[in-house]
C-alpha atoms as a PDB file:
ATOM      1  CA  ARG A   1     -46.928-126.637   2.739  1.00  0.00           C
ATOM      2  CA  THR A   2     -44.238-128.976   1.660  1.00  0.00           C
ATOM      3  CA  ARG A   3     -41.376-128.617  -0.701  1.00  0.00           C
ATOM      4  CA  SER A   4     -39.421-131.387  -2.338  1.00  0.00           C
ATOM      5  CA  GLY A   5     -36.685-132.485   0.047  1.00  0.00           C
ATOM      6  CA  TRP A   6     -37.723-130.124   2.842  1.00  0.00           C
ATOM      7  CA  GLY A   7     -40.619-131.881   4.499  1.00  0.00           C
ATOM      8  CA  ARG A   8     -43.169-129.817   6.371  1.00  0.00           C
ATOM      9  CA  GLY A   9     -42.614-126.377   7.776  1.00  0.00           C
ATOM     10  CA  PRO A  10     -41.717-122.896   6.667  1.00  0.00           C
ATOM     11  CA  TRP A  11     -39.529-122.065   3.732  1.00  0.00           C
ATOM     12  CA  PHE A  12     -36.668-119.737   4.380  1.00  0.00           C
ATOM     13  CA  THR A  13     -35.387-117.091   2.068  1.00  0.00           C
ATOM     14  CA  LEU A  14     -32.110-115.295   2.595  1.00  0.00           C
ATOM     15  CA  PHE A  15     -32.455-111.949   0.945  1.00  0.00           C
ATOM     16  CA  GLY A  16     -29.717-109.527  -0.004  1.00  0.00           C
ATOM     17  CA  ARG A  17     -26.887-109.051  -2.428  1.00  0.00           C
ATOM     18  CA  ALA A  18     -25.296-112.353  -3.396  1.00  0.00           C
ATOM     19  CA  THR A  19     -21.649-112.812  -2.577  1.00  0.00           C
ATOM     20  CA  ALA A  20     -19.084-115.076  -4.136  1.00  0.00           C
ATOM     21  CA  GLY A  21     -19.113-117.330  -1.054  1.00  0.00           C
ATOM     22  CA  ILE A  22     -22.873-117.792  -0.648  1.00  0.00           C
ATOM     23  CA  GLY A  23     -22.650-121.438  -1.739  1.00  0.00           C
ATOM     24  CA  ASP A  24     -20.105-122.176   0.991  1.00  0.00           C
ATOM     25  CA  TYR A  25     -22.320-120.489   3.569  1.00  0.00           C
ATOM     26  CA  LEU A  26     -25.371-122.472   2.486  1.00  0.00           C
ATOM     27  CA  ASP A  27     -23.333-125.696   2.579  1.00  0.00           C
ATOM     28  CA  MET A  28     -22.466-125.005   6.244  1.00  0.00           C
ATOM     29  CA  LEU A  29     -26.156-125.255   7.162  1.00  0.00           C
ATOM     30  CA  GLY A  30     -25.877-129.045   7.064  1.00  0.00           C
ATOM     31  CA  GLY A  31     -28.676-130.247   4.828  1.00  0.00           C
ATOM     32  CA  VAL A  32     -30.982-127.283   5.299  1.00  0.00           C
ATOM     33  CA  ARG A  33     -30.871-125.428   2.032  1.00  0.00           C
ATOM     34  CA  PRO A  34     -32.711-122.112   2.195  1.00  0.00           C
ATOM     35  CA  ASP A  35     -33.593-120.405  -1.023  1.00  0.00           C
ATOM     36  CA  PHE A  36     -31.437-117.414  -1.774  1.00  0.00           C
ATOM     37  CA  VAL A  37     -33.353-114.782  -3.686  1.00  0.00           C
ATOM     38  CA  ASP A  38     -31.321-111.968  -5.187  1.00  0.00           C
ATOM     39  CA  ILE A  39     -33.435-109.270  -6.826  1.00  0.00           C
ATOM     40  CA  PRO A  40     -31.271-106.997  -8.991  1.00  0.00           C
ATOM     41  CA  GLY A  41     -33.531-103.960  -8.473  1.00  0.00           C
ATOM     42  CA  PHE A  42     -32.591-104.000  -4.815  1.00  0.00           C
ATOM     43  CA  ASP A  43     -28.963-103.234  -5.561  1.00  0.00           C
ATOM     44  CA  PRO A  44     -28.467 -99.455  -5.172  1.00  0.00           C
ATOM     45  CA  ALA A  45     -25.805 -99.565  -7.880  1.00  0.00           C
ATOM     46  CA  CYS A  46     -28.204-100.941 -10.500  1.00  0.00           C
ATOM     47  CA  ASN A  47     -28.205 -98.741 -13.585  1.00  0.00           C
ATOM     48  CA  ASP A  48     -25.138 -96.904 -12.190  1.00  0.00           C
ATOM     49  CA  ARG A  49     -27.494 -94.511 -10.446  1.00  0.00           C
ATOM     50  CA  ASP A  50     -26.784 -92.208  -7.515  1.00  0.00           C
ATOM     51  CA  VAL A  51     -29.752 -92.575  -5.153  1.00  0.00           C
ATOM     52  CA  SER A  52     -28.796 -89.320  -3.425  1.00  0.00           C
ATOM     53  CA  CYS A  53     -30.061 -87.457  -6.510  1.00  0.00           C
ATOM     54  CA  GLN A  54     -33.560 -88.821  -5.972  1.00  0.00           C
ATOM     55  CA  SER A  55     -36.298 -87.150  -3.959  1.00  0.00           C
ATOM     56  CA  GLY A  56     -38.394 -88.715  -1.215  1.00  0.00           C
ATOM     57  CA  ALA A  57     -41.246 -88.992  -3.727  1.00  0.00           C
ATOM     58  CA  ASP A  58     -38.894 -90.872  -6.097  1.00  0.00           C
ATOM     59  CA  TYR A  59     -38.014 -93.294  -3.295  1.00  0.00           C
ATOM     60  CA  ILE A  60     -41.699 -93.949  -2.601  1.00  0.00           C
ATOM     61  CA  ARG A  61     -42.587 -94.376  -6.277  1.00  0.00           C
ATOM     62  CA  GLU A  62     -39.687 -96.779  -6.886  1.00  0.00           C
ATOM     63  CA  GLY A  63     -40.228 -98.542  -3.543  1.00  0.00           C
ATOM     64  CA  THR A  64     -43.894 -99.122  -4.329  1.00  0.00           C
ATOM     65  CA  ALA A  65     -42.919-100.769  -7.624  1.00  0.00           C
ATOM     66  CA  LEU A  66     -40.235-102.840  -5.863  1.00  0.00           C
ATOM     67  CA  ALA A  67     -42.810-104.007  -3.287  1.00  0.00           C
ATOM     68  CA  VAL A  68     -44.737-105.577  -6.171  1.00  0.00           C
ATOM     69  CA  VAL A  69     -41.548-107.350  -7.274  1.00  0.00           C
ATOM     70  CA  LEU A  70     -41.097-108.613  -3.701  1.00  0.00           C
ATOM     71  CA  ALA A  71     -44.662-109.907  -3.556  1.00  0.00           C
ATOM     72  CA  GLU A  72     -44.126-111.901  -6.747  1.00  0.00           C
ATOM     73  CA  ALA A  73     -40.622-113.173  -5.942  1.00  0.00           C
ATOM     74  CA  LEU A  74     -41.393-114.133  -2.343  1.00  0.00           C
ATOM     75  CA  GLU A  75     -44.942-115.430  -2.778  1.00  0.00           C
ATOM     76  CA  PRO A  76     -44.126-119.075  -1.939  1.00  0.00           C
ATOM     77  CA  HIS A  77     -42.027-118.216   1.113  1.00  0.00           C
ATOM     78  CA  ASP A  78     -43.453-118.235   4.628  1.00  0.00           C
ATOM     79  CA  LEU A  79     -40.386-116.909   6.442  1.00  0.00           C
ATOM     80  CA  VAL A  80     -38.175-114.271   4.857  1.00  0.00           C
ATOM     81  CA  CYS A  81     -34.961-112.800   6.210  1.00  0.00           C
ATOM     82  CA  PHE A  82     -33.979-109.439   4.733  1.00  0.00           C
ATOM     83  CA  GLU A  83     -30.351-108.405   4.897  1.00  0.00           C
ATOM     84  CA  ASN A  84     -29.424-105.106   6.516  1.00  0.00           C
ATOM     85  CA  THR A  85     -32.187-102.815   5.250  1.00  0.00           C
ATOM     86  CA  THR A  86     -31.297-100.519   8.167  1.00  0.00           C
ATOM     87  CA  VAL A  87     -28.156 -99.179   6.466  1.00  0.00           C
ATOM     88  CA  GLY A  88     -30.014 -96.927   4.037  1.00  0.00           C
ATOM     89  CA  ASN A  89     -27.908 -97.582   0.926  1.00  0.00           C
ATOM     90  CA  HIS A  90     -31.060 -97.890  -1.162  1.00  0.00           C
ATOM     91  CA  PRO A  91     -33.942 -95.937   0.401  1.00  0.00           C
ATOM     92  CA  ALA A  92     -36.497 -97.207  -2.127  1.00  0.00           C
ATOM     93  CA  ALA A  93     -35.630-100.823  -1.256  1.00  0.00           C
ATOM     94  CA  SER A  94     -36.078-100.148   2.465  1.00  0.00           C
ATOM     95  CA  TYR A  95     -39.447 -98.541   1.686  1.00  0.00           C
ATOM     96  CA  ALA A  96     -40.376-101.596  -0.436  1.00  0.00           C
ATOM     97  CA  VAL A  97     -39.568-103.976   2.416  1.00  0.00           C
ATOM     98  CA  HIS A  98     -41.722-101.974   4.829  1.00  0.00           C
ATOM     99  CA  ALA A  99     -44.604-101.718   2.330  1.00  0.00           C
ATOM    100  CA  TYR A 100     -44.463-105.432   1.505  1.00  0.00           C
ATOM    101  CA  VAL A 101     -44.253-106.602   5.134  1.00  0.00           C
ATOM    102  CA  GLN A 102     -47.122-104.286   6.069  1.00  0.00           C
ATOM    103  CA  ALA A 103     -49.265-105.514   3.150  1.00  0.00           C
ATOM    104  CA  CYS A 104     -48.690-109.101   4.265  1.00  0.00           C
ATOM    105  CA  LEU A 105     -50.393-108.350   7.584  1.00  0.00           C
ATOM    106  CA  GLU A 106     -53.682-108.415   5.678  1.00  0.00           C
ATOM    107  CA  GLN A 107     -52.914-110.323   2.484  1.00  0.00           C
ATOM    108  CA  ALA A 108     -50.720-113.121   3.875  1.00  0.00           C
ATOM    109  CA  PRO A 109     -51.036-113.123   7.679  1.00  0.00           C
ATOM    110  CA  HIS A 110     -49.174-116.459   8.011  1.00  0.00           C
ATOM    111  CA  LYS A 111     -45.919-114.939   6.684  1.00  0.00           C
ATOM    112  CA  ARG A 112     -43.182-113.895   9.089  1.00  0.00           C
ATOM    113  CA  PHE A 113     -40.196-111.649   8.470  1.00  0.00           C
ATOM    114  CA  LEU A 114     -36.776-110.975   9.931  1.00  0.00           C
ATOM    115  CA  ILE A 115     -34.381-108.135   9.312  1.00  0.00           C
ATOM    116  CA  ARG A 116     -30.751-108.992   9.953  1.00  0.00           C
ATOM    117  CA  ALA A 117     -29.273-105.713  11.157  1.00  0.00           C
ATOM    118  CA  HIS A 118     -25.609-104.972  11.646  1.00  0.00           C
ATOM    119  CA  ASP A 119     -25.049-101.605   9.990  1.00  0.00           C
ATOM    120  CA  PHE A 120     -27.023 -98.421  10.496  1.00  0.00           C
ATOM    121  CA  LEU A 121     -27.724 -95.332   8.448  1.00  0.00           C
ATOM    122  CA  LEU A 122     -27.148 -93.248  11.584  1.00  0.00           C
ATOM    123  CA  ASP A 123     -23.429 -93.939  11.072  1.00  0.00           C
ATOM    124  CA  ARG A 124     -23.520 -92.714   7.485  1.00  0.00           C
ATOM    125  CA  PRO A 125     -24.346 -89.013   7.152  1.00  0.00           C
ATOM    126  CA  ALA A 126     -25.176 -89.209   3.432  1.00  0.00           C
ATOM    127  CA  ASN A 127     -27.572 -92.126   4.000  1.00  0.00           C
ATOM    128  CA  LEU A 128     -29.220 -90.313   6.901  1.00  0.00           C
ATOM    129  CA  ALA A 129     -29.680 -87.202   4.742  1.00  0.00           C
ATOM    130  CA  ASN A 130     -31.347 -89.360   2.085  1.00  0.00           C
ATOM    131  CA  ALA A 131     -33.570 -91.004   4.709  1.00  0.00           C
ATOM    132  CA  ARG A 132     -34.797 -87.636   5.949  1.00  0.00           C
ATOM    133  CA  LYS A 133     -36.149 -86.885   2.462  1.00  0.00           C
ATOM    134  CA  PHE A 134     -39.030 -89.222   3.333  1.00  0.00           C
ATOM    135  CA  ASP A 135     -40.373 -86.966   6.079  1.00  0.00           C
ATOM    136  CA  ALA A 136     -42.053 -84.471   3.730  1.00  0.00           C
ATOM    137  CA  VAL A 137     -43.776 -87.045   1.527  1.00  0.00           C
ATOM    138  CA  LEU A 138     -44.619 -90.177   3.523  1.00  0.00           C
ATOM    139  CA  PRO A 139     -48.187 -91.435   3.182  1.00  0.00           C
ATOM    140  CA  PRO A 140     -50.541 -91.640   6.183  1.00  0.00           C
ATOM    141  CA  GLY A 141     -49.526 -94.270   8.705  1.00  0.00           C
ATOM    142  CA  PHE A 142     -45.840 -93.335   8.728  1.00  0.00           C
ATOM    143  CA  ALA A 143     -44.543 -91.174  11.538  1.00  0.00           C
ATOM    144  CA  GLY A 144     -41.268 -90.398   9.767  1.00  0.00           C
ATOM    145  CA  TRP A 145     -38.165 -91.838   8.179  1.00  0.00           C
ATOM    146  CA  ARG A 146     -37.539 -94.172  11.136  1.00  0.00           C
ATOM    147  CA  ASP A 147     -40.721 -96.058  10.237  1.00  0.00           C
ATOM    148  CA  VAL A 148     -39.210 -96.851   6.824  1.00  0.00           C
ATOM    149  CA  PHE A 149     -35.828 -98.076   8.033  1.00  0.00           C
ATOM    150  CA  PHE A 150     -36.860 -99.507  11.418  1.00  0.00           C
ATOM    151  CA  PRO A 151     -40.394-100.845  10.901  1.00  0.00           C
ATOM    152  CA  ARG A 152     -42.355-101.890  13.966  1.00  0.00           C
ATOM    153  CA  LEU A 153     -44.840-104.421  12.661  1.00  0.00           C
ATOM    154  CA  PRO A 154     -46.288-107.481  14.427  1.00  0.00           C
ATOM    155  CA  ASN A 155     -45.102-109.920  11.735  1.00  0.00           C
ATOM    156  CA  LEU A 156     -41.507-108.665  11.850  1.00  0.00           C
ATOM    157  CA  ALA A 157     -38.581-109.372  14.180  1.00  0.00           C
ATOM    158  CA  TYR A 158     -34.921-108.404  14.076  1.00  0.00           C
ATOM    159  CA  ILE A 159     -31.646-110.276  14.295  1.00  0.00           C
ATOM    160  CA  GLY A 160     -28.806-108.260  15.802  1.00  0.00           C
ATOM    161  CA  LEU A 161     -25.322-109.555  15.066  1.00  0.00           C
ATOM    162  CA  THR A 162     -24.009-107.878  18.212  1.00  0.00           C
ATOM    163  CA  THR A 163     -25.597-106.864  21.489  1.00  0.00           C
ATOM    164  CA  ALA A 164     -24.747-103.287  20.498  1.00  0.00           C
ATOM    165  CA  ALA A 165     -26.850-103.727  17.338  1.00  0.00           C
ATOM    166  CA  CYS A 166     -29.800-104.829  19.479  1.00  0.00           C
ATOM    167  CA  ASP A 167     -29.277-101.787  21.719  1.00  0.00           C
ATOM    168  CA  ARG A 168     -29.182 -99.515  18.672  1.00  0.00           C
ATOM    169  CA  LEU A 169     -32.394-101.025  17.348  1.00  0.00           C
ATOM    170  CA  ALA A 170     -34.043-100.431  20.730  1.00  0.00           C
ATOM    171  CA  ALA A 171     -32.890 -96.800  20.575  1.00  0.00           C
ATOM    172  CA  GLN A 172     -34.812 -96.510  17.281  1.00  0.00           C
ATOM    173  CA  GLY A 173     -38.015 -97.763  18.891  1.00  0.00           C
ATOM    174  CA  ILE A 174     -37.728-101.498  18.253  1.00  0.00           C
ATOM    175  CA  ASP A 175     -39.130-103.514  21.151  1.00  0.00           C
ATOM    176  CA  PRO A 176     -36.187-105.454  22.649  1.00  0.00           C
ATOM    177  CA  ARG A 177     -38.428-108.545  22.809  1.00  0.00           C
ATOM    178  CA  VAL A 178     -38.405-108.740  18.993  1.00  0.00           C
ATOM    179  CA  CYS A 179     -34.653-108.227  18.595  1.00  0.00           C
ATOM    180  CA  HIS A 180     -32.734-111.462  18.875  1.00  0.00           C
ATOM    181  CA  TYR A 181     -28.989-111.511  19.337  1.00  0.00           C
ATOM    182  CA  LEU A 182     -27.501-114.032  16.912  1.00  0.00           C
ATOM    183  CA  PRO A 183     -23.772-113.462  16.470  1.00  0.00           C
ATOM    184  CA  ASN A 184     -22.020-113.969  13.176  1.00  0.00           C
ATOM    185  CA  GLY A 185     -20.656-117.483  12.860  1.00  0.00           C
ATOM    186  CA  ILE A 186     -16.922-117.994  12.633  1.00  0.00           C
ATOM    187  CA  ASP A 187     -15.574-119.895   9.688  1.00  0.00           C
ATOM    188  CA  ASP A 188     -13.050-122.298  11.223  1.00  0.00           C
ATOM    189  CA  ARG A 189     -11.593-123.405   7.887  1.00  0.00           C
END
Protein backbone atom coordinates (compact mmCIF):
# COMPACT_ATOMS: atom_id res chain seq x y z
CA ARG A 1 0.00 0.00 0.00
CA THR A 2 1.10 3.51 -0.60
CA ARG A 3 -0.12 6.79 0.68
CA SER A 4 0.52 10.19 -0.82
CA GLY A 5 3.84 11.46 0.49
CA TRP A 6 4.63 8.32 2.49
CA GLY A 7 5.96 5.91 -0.09
CA ARG A 8 5.68 2.20 0.58
CA GLY A 9 5.30 0.60 3.96
CA PRO A 10 2.95 0.54 6.90
CA TRP A 11 0.83 3.43 8.01
CA PHE A 12 1.08 4.40 11.62
CA THR A 13 -1.71 5.58 13.81
CA LEU A 14 -1.16 7.14 17.20
CA PHE A 15 -4.26 6.46 19.20
CA GLY A 16 -5.38 8.14 22.39
CA ARG A 17 -6.72 11.39 23.72
CA ALA A 18 -5.39 14.36 21.78
CA THR A 19 -3.38 16.90 23.69
CA ALA A 20 -2.74 20.53 22.96
CA GLY A 21 0.87 19.77 21.98
CA ILE A 22 0.27 16.85 19.61
CA GLY A 23 1.25 18.96 16.59
CA ASP A 24 4.62 19.78 18.16
CA TYR A 25 5.20 16.10 18.91
CA LEU A 26 4.36 15.08 15.35
CA ASP A 27 6.66 17.81 14.00
CA MET A 28 9.56 16.31 15.99
CA LEU A 29 9.30 13.10 13.95
CA GLY A 30 11.18 14.80 11.12
CA GLY A 31 9.09 14.27 8.01
CA VAL A 32 7.30 11.14 9.16
CA ARG A 33 3.76 12.22 9.82
CA PRO A 34 1.69 9.47 11.42
CA ASP A 35 -2.04 9.81 11.42
CA PHE A 36 -3.46 10.72 14.78
CA VAL A 37 -6.90 9.25 15.26
CA ASP A 38 -8.89 10.52 18.22
CA ILE A 39 -12.20 8.73 18.71
CA PRO A 40 -14.42 10.65 21.14
CA GLY A 41 -16.19 7.50 22.38
CA PHE A 42 -12.91 6.34 23.84
CA ASP A 43 -12.78 9.22 26.29
CA PRO A 44 -14.17 7.97 29.63
CA ALA A 45 -15.50 11.45 30.34
CA CYS A 46 -17.69 11.49 27.22
CA ASN A 47 -21.29 12.26 28.14
CA ASP A 48 -20.12 13.19 31.67
CA ARG A 49 -20.60 9.58 32.67
CA ASP A 50 -19.14 7.73 35.64
CA VAL A 51 -17.94 4.37 34.30
CA SER A 52 -17.85 2.97 37.84
CA CYS A 53 -21.67 2.90 37.78
CA GLN A 54 -21.63 0.45 34.88
CA SER A 55 -21.66 -3.32 35.17
CA GLY A 56 -19.30 -5.76 33.48
CA ALA A 57 -22.08 -6.54 31.00
CA ASP A 58 -22.36 -2.80 30.23
CA TYR A 59 -18.62 -2.66 29.56
CA ILE A 60 -18.86 -5.60 27.15
CA ARG A 61 -21.91 -4.21 25.36
CA GLU A 62 -20.33 -0.76 24.95
CA GLY A 63 -16.91 -2.24 24.14
CA THR A 64 -18.39 -4.42 21.41
CA ALA A 65 -19.96 -1.34 19.81
CA LEU A 66 -16.68 0.58 20.16
CA ALA A 67 -14.80 -2.28 18.47
CA VAL A 68 -16.97 -1.67 15.40
CA VAL A 69 -16.01 2.02 15.52
CA LEU A 70 -12.34 0.99 15.72
CA ALA A 71 -12.68 -1.33 12.73
CA GLU A 72 -14.13 1.49 10.64
CA ALA A 73 -11.77 4.24 11.83
CA LEU A 74 -8.60 2.15 11.59
CA GLU A 75 -9.41 0.14 8.45
CA PRO A 76 -6.68 1.71 6.28
CA HIS A 77 -3.97 1.41 8.93
CA ASP A 78 -1.54 -1.50 9.03
CA LEU A 79 0.23 -0.59 12.28
CA VAL A 80 -1.69 0.93 15.18
CA CYS A 81 -0.32 2.13 18.49
CA PHE A 82 -2.88 2.38 21.29
CA GLU A 83 -2.14 4.69 24.19
CA ASN A 84 -2.17 3.31 27.72
CA THR A 85 -5.18 0.98 27.63
CA THR A 86 -3.66 -0.72 30.69
CA VAL A 87 -4.74 2.06 33.07
CA GLY A 88 -8.40 1.04 33.15
CA ASN A 89 -9.96 4.52 33.01
CA HIS A 90 -12.48 3.31 30.44
CA PRO A 91 -13.05 -0.45 30.76
CA ALA A 92 -15.27 -0.62 27.66
CA ALA A 93 -12.51 0.96 25.54
CA SER A 94 -9.95 -1.57 26.79
CA TYR A 95 -12.42 -4.35 25.95
CA ALA A 96 -12.92 -2.81 22.48
CA VAL A 97 -9.18 -2.77 21.81
CA HIS A 98 -8.86 -6.43 22.80
CA ALA A 99 -11.91 -7.44 20.72
CA TYR A 100 -10.71 -5.50 17.68
CA VAL A 101 -7.11 -6.78 17.83
CA GLN A 102 -8.37 -10.34 18.27
CA ALA A 103 -10.80 -10.00 15.33
CA CYS A 104 -7.95 -8.78 13.14
CA LEU A 105 -6.14 -12.09 13.64
CA GLU A 106 -8.67 -13.60 11.23
CA GLN A 107 -10.09 -10.63 9.34
CA ALA A 108 -6.91 -8.61 8.74
CA PRO A 109 -3.91 -10.83 9.56
CA HIS A 110 -1.42 -8.31 8.09
CA LYS A 111 -2.25 -5.70 10.76
CA ARG A 112 0.03 -5.25 13.75
CA PHE A 113 -0.66 -3.49 17.04
CA LEU A 114 1.25 -1.88 19.87
CA ILE A 115 0.08 -0.80 23.29
CA ARG A 116 2.14 1.98 24.83
CA ALA A 117 1.96 1.24 28.55
CA HIS A 118 3.11 3.52 31.32
CA ASP A 119 0.28 3.53 33.84
CA PHE A 120 -1.49 0.55 35.36
CA LEU A 121 -4.89 -0.09 36.84
CA LEU A 122 -3.19 -2.07 39.62
CA ASP A 123 -2.12 1.31 41.04
CA ARG A 124 -5.68 2.64 41.01
CA PRO A 125 -8.03 0.78 43.36
CA ALA A 126 -11.21 2.15 41.76
CA ASN A 127 -10.05 1.12 38.28
CA LEU A 128 -9.09 -2.34 39.53
CA ALA A 129 -12.52 -2.75 41.14
CA ASN A 130 -14.13 -1.83 37.81
CA ALA A 131 -11.87 -4.27 35.96
CA ARG A 132 -12.90 -7.13 38.23
CA LYS A 133 -16.52 -6.64 37.14
CA PHE A 134 -15.54 -8.42 33.91
CA ASP A 135 -14.83 -11.73 35.64
CA ALA A 136 -18.49 -12.74 36.03
CA VAL A 137 -19.55 -11.94 32.47
CA LEU A 138 -16.64 -12.44 30.06
CA PRO A 139 -17.39 -14.52 26.98
CA PRO A 140 -15.57 -17.80 26.27
CA GLY A 141 -11.91 -17.34 25.45
CA PHE A 142 -11.22 -14.88 28.26
CA ALA A 143 -9.60 -16.16 31.42
CA GLY A 144 -10.41 -13.03 33.41
CA TRP A 145 -10.04 -9.28 33.62
CA ARG A 146 -6.29 -9.45 32.92
CA ASP A 147 -7.07 -10.71 29.41
CA VAL A 148 -8.99 -7.48 28.75
CA PHE A 149 -6.37 -5.05 30.02
CA PHE A 150 -3.22 -7.06 29.20
CA PRO A 151 -4.07 -8.99 26.02
CA ARG A 152 -1.66 -11.69 24.90
CA LEU A 153 -2.24 -11.96 21.17
CA PRO A 154 0.26 -12.82 18.42
CA ASN A 155 -0.36 -9.60 16.48
CA LEU A 156 0.22 -7.38 19.52
CA ALA A 157 3.36 -6.07 21.22
CA TYR A 158 3.92 -3.58 24.02
CA ILE A 159 6.03 -0.47 24.46
CA GLY A 160 7.14 0.16 28.03
CA LEU A 161 8.25 3.70 28.79
CA THR A 162 10.38 2.44 31.67
CA THR A 163 12.06 -0.86 32.42
CA ALA A 164 9.75 -1.05 35.44
CA ALA A 165 6.75 -0.86 33.09
CA CYS A 166 8.13 -3.81 31.12
CA ASP A 167 8.61 -5.72 34.39
CA ARG A 168 5.04 -4.93 35.42
CA LEU A 169 3.72 -6.13 32.08
CA ALA A 170 5.68 -9.38 32.50
CA ALA A 171 4.11 -9.79 35.95
CA GLN A 172 0.70 -9.66 34.23
CA GLY A 173 1.64 -12.48 31.87
CA ILE A 174 3.05 -10.51 28.94
CA ASP A 175 5.98 -12.33 27.33
CA PRO A 176 9.06 -10.12 27.86
CA ARG A 177 10.02 -10.75 24.22
CA VAL A 178 7.02 -8.67 23.08
CA CYS A 179 7.60 -5.79 25.49
CA HIS A 180 10.01 -3.24 24.11
CA TYR A 181 11.56 -0.59 26.31
CA LEU A 182 11.29 2.77 24.54
CA PRO A 183 11.79 5.64 26.97
CA ASN A 184 9.90 8.88 26.70
CA GLY A 185 11.79 11.42 24.63
CA ILE A 186 13.01 14.60 26.28
CA ASP A 187 11.96 17.88 24.78
CA ASP A 188 15.17 19.92 24.72
CA ARG A 189 13.45 23.19 23.81
